[in-house]
């Protein structure tokens, strides 16, 4: 049981857990998840942490096959610029390890921005809080549980 799963349960949303054997040599955790689960990479989302000046962190949830548009993320958050957080910073502020960072159940609540493409699917996949574990849920439930908003950030 991960904090992400506990957060989904506490919120009372419907979800399904999907496990797969993580390959420690994988270069892209998100693309590995899509492949191992046999899912369209457009439906599998990665969780990235970015910093906004002066010392604020935000979570960006984008499809695994796409890149985060930092300018669009900054604009969505009312900031002038954004930069990806270093792996150790992302781990520290979320409480998760790189490759297993979930937008759900983080150590402290961070502003969450979900790419608008998620809304095209009945359900999406995001990390459930550890490598090799994904949680499938409705995009609206993801937004509700995280207090997130949608924006074109990919």
Protein backbone atom coordinates (compact mmCIF):
# COMPACT_ATOMS: atom_id res chain seq x y z
CA UNK A 1 0.00 0.00 0.00
CA UNK A 2 1.46 3.32 -1.07
CA UNK A 3 0.40 6.84 -0.06
CA UNK A 4 -1.04 7.23 -3.59
CA UNK A 5 -3.31 4.23 -3.15
CA UNK A 6 -4.33 5.39 0.32
CA UNK A 7 -5.19 8.84 -1.09
CA UNK A 8 -7.38 7.32 -3.81
CA UNK A 9 -9.10 5.07 -1.29
CA UNK A 10 -9.66 7.93 1.17
CA UNK A 11 -11.19 10.03 -1.62
CA UNK A 12 -13.56 7.20 -2.49
CA UNK A 13 -12.73 7.22 -6.20
CA UNK A 14 -12.85 4.16 -8.44
CA UNK A 15 -9.43 2.94 -9.53
CA UNK A 16 -7.55 -0.14 -10.63
CA UNK A 17 -3.96 -1.03 -9.79
CA UNK A 18 -1.69 -2.47 -12.46
CA UNK A 19 1.61 -4.13 -11.62
CA UNK A 20 4.46 -4.95 -13.97
CA UNK A 21 8.03 -6.13 -13.60
CA UNK A 22 10.19 -2.99 -13.67
CA UNK A 23 13.46 -3.28 -15.56
CA UNK A 24 16.13 -1.30 -13.65
CA UNK A 25 17.90 -0.65 -16.98
CA UNK A 26 14.88 1.20 -18.42
CA UNK A 27 15.70 4.73 -19.56
CA UNK A 28 12.13 6.01 -19.55
CA UNK A 29 10.00 4.83 -16.66
CA UNK A 30 6.80 6.10 -18.28
CA UNK A 31 7.36 4.53 -21.69
CA UNK A 32 8.33 1.31 -19.95
CA UNK A 33 5.02 1.35 -18.07
CA UNK A 34 3.04 1.92 -21.28
CA UNK A 35 4.84 -0.90 -23.04
CA UNK A 36 4.63 -3.39 -20.17
CA UNK A 37 0.93 -2.68 -19.65
CA UNK A 38 0.17 -2.73 -23.38
CA UNK A 39 -1.28 0.79 -23.29
CA UNK A 40 -1.19 3.69 -25.72
CA UNK A 41 1.54 6.06 -24.44
CA UNK A 42 -0.94 8.94 -24.88
CA UNK A 43 -3.01 7.41 -22.07
CA UNK A 44 -0.11 6.84 -19.65
CA UNK A 45 1.05 9.97 -17.81
CA UNK A 46 4.29 10.86 -16.07
CA UNK A 47 4.56 13.07 -13.02
CA UNK A 48 7.18 15.79 -13.16
CA UNK A 49 8.10 18.32 -10.51
CA UNK A 50 9.07 21.84 -11.52
CA UNK A 51 10.26 24.84 -9.59
CA UNK A 52 8.80 28.31 -9.89
CA UNK A 53 10.71 31.30 -8.56
CA UNK A 54 11.43 32.08 -5.85
CA UNK A 55 10.97 28.73 -4.08
CA UNK A 56 7.68 27.12 -5.09
CA UNK A 57 7.23 23.63 -6.52
CA UNK A 58 4.45 22.41 -8.80
CA UNK A 59 3.50 19.04 -10.24
CA UNK A 60 3.00 18.57 -13.98
CA UNK A 61 1.19 15.48 -15.27
CA UNK A 62 1.89 14.88 -18.97
CA UNK A 63 1.71 11.95 -21.42
CA UNK A 64 4.82 9.78 -21.25
CA UNK A 65 5.57 10.15 -24.96
CA UNK A 66 5.49 13.95 -24.85
CA UNK A 67 7.65 16.64 -23.30
CA UNK A 68 6.63 19.18 -20.69
CA UNK A 69 6.35 22.73 -22.05
CA UNK A 70 7.89 24.71 -19.19
CA UNK A 71 6.69 28.06 -20.53
CA UNK A 72 3.11 26.78 -20.72
CA UNK A 73 3.39 25.37 -17.20
CA UNK A 74 4.68 28.68 -15.87
CA UNK A 75 1.84 30.54 -17.58
CA UNK A 76 -0.73 28.09 -16.17
CA UNK A 77 0.64 28.80 -12.69
CA UNK A 78 0.81 32.57 -13.14
CA UNK A 79 4.62 32.59 -13.12
CA UNK A 80 7.17 34.01 -15.54
CA UNK A 81 9.27 30.86 -15.77
CA UNK A 82 9.57 27.27 -14.59
CA UNK A 83 12.43 24.79 -14.46
CA UNK A 84 12.44 21.07 -13.86
CA UNK A 85 13.39 20.20 -10.31
CA UNK A 86 16.48 18.10 -9.73
CA UNK A 87 15.72 14.46 -8.94
CA UNK A 88 16.73 14.83 -5.29
CA UNK A 89 14.50 17.91 -4.91
CA UNK A 90 11.55 16.13 -6.52
CA UNK A 91 12.03 13.17 -4.18
CA UNK A 92 12.32 15.43 -1.15
CA UNK A 93 9.15 17.44 -1.81
CA UNK A 94 6.97 14.51 -2.93
CA UNK A 95 8.19 11.71 -0.67
CA UNK A 96 8.54 9.37 -3.65
CA UNK A 97 11.55 8.03 -5.57
CA UNK A 98 12.25 9.07 -9.15
CA UNK A 99 10.38 6.78 -11.53
CA UNK A 100 7.71 6.23 -8.89
CA UNK A 101 6.56 9.79 -8.24
CA UNK A 102 2.79 9.86 -8.12
CA UNK A 103 0.60 12.95 -8.32
CA UNK A 104 -1.49 11.34 -5.56
CA UNK A 105 -0.62 11.17 -1.87
CA UNK A 106 2.45 13.36 -1.92
CA UNK A 107 4.23 14.33 1.28
CA UNK A 108 2.85 17.86 0.99
CA UNK A 109 0.15 19.21 -1.27
CA UNK A 110 1.60 20.87 -4.36
CA UNK A 111 -0.19 22.73 -7.11
CA UNK A 112 -0.96 20.12 -9.78
CA UNK A 113 -1.45 20.84 -13.47
CA UNK A 114 -2.70 18.02 -15.71
CA UNK A 115 -2.26 18.22 -19.47
CA UNK A 116 -5.62 18.75 -21.20
CA UNK A 117 -5.08 15.65 -23.33
CA UNK A 118 -6.02 13.52 -20.30
CA UNK A 119 -9.62 14.65 -20.62
CA UNK A 120 -9.92 12.77 -23.94
CA UNK A 121 -9.80 9.42 -22.13
CA UNK A 122 -12.27 7.63 -19.89
CA UNK A 123 -9.35 6.59 -17.68
CA UNK A 124 -5.63 7.37 -17.54
CA UNK A 125 -2.65 5.72 -15.89
CA UNK A 126 -0.27 7.46 -13.46
CA UNK A 127 2.33 6.11 -11.09
CA UNK A 128 0.88 4.60 -7.96
CA UNK A 129 3.91 5.55 -5.90
CA UNK A 130 6.59 3.07 -6.84
CA UNK A 131 8.29 1.72 -9.93
CA UNK A 132 6.27 -1.11 -11.47
CA UNK A 133 2.93 0.03 -10.06
CA UNK A 134 0.40 2.18 -11.95
CA UNK A 135 -3.02 3.40 -10.90
CA UNK A 136 -5.77 3.75 -13.49
CA UNK A 137 -8.51 6.27 -12.77
CA UNK A 138 -10.76 8.81 -14.44
CA UNK A 139 -9.03 12.11 -15.28
CA UNK A 140 -11.74 14.01 -13.35
CA UNK A 141 -10.99 11.90 -10.28
CA UNK A 142 -7.27 12.56 -10.68
CA UNK A 143 -8.01 16.29 -10.74
CA UNK A 144 -10.34 16.04 -7.74
CA UNK A 145 -7.96 14.02 -5.56
CA UNK A 146 -4.96 16.24 -6.35
CA UNK A 147 -6.90 19.52 -6.41
CA UNK A 148 -5.44 19.86 -9.88
CA UNK A 149 -6.43 21.85 -12.94
CA UNK A 150 -6.15 21.22 -16.66
CA UNK A 151 -3.93 23.20 -19.03
CA UNK A 152 -2.14 22.61 -22.32
CA UNK A 153 1.32 21.91 -20.91
CA UNK A 154 2.66 19.15 -23.20
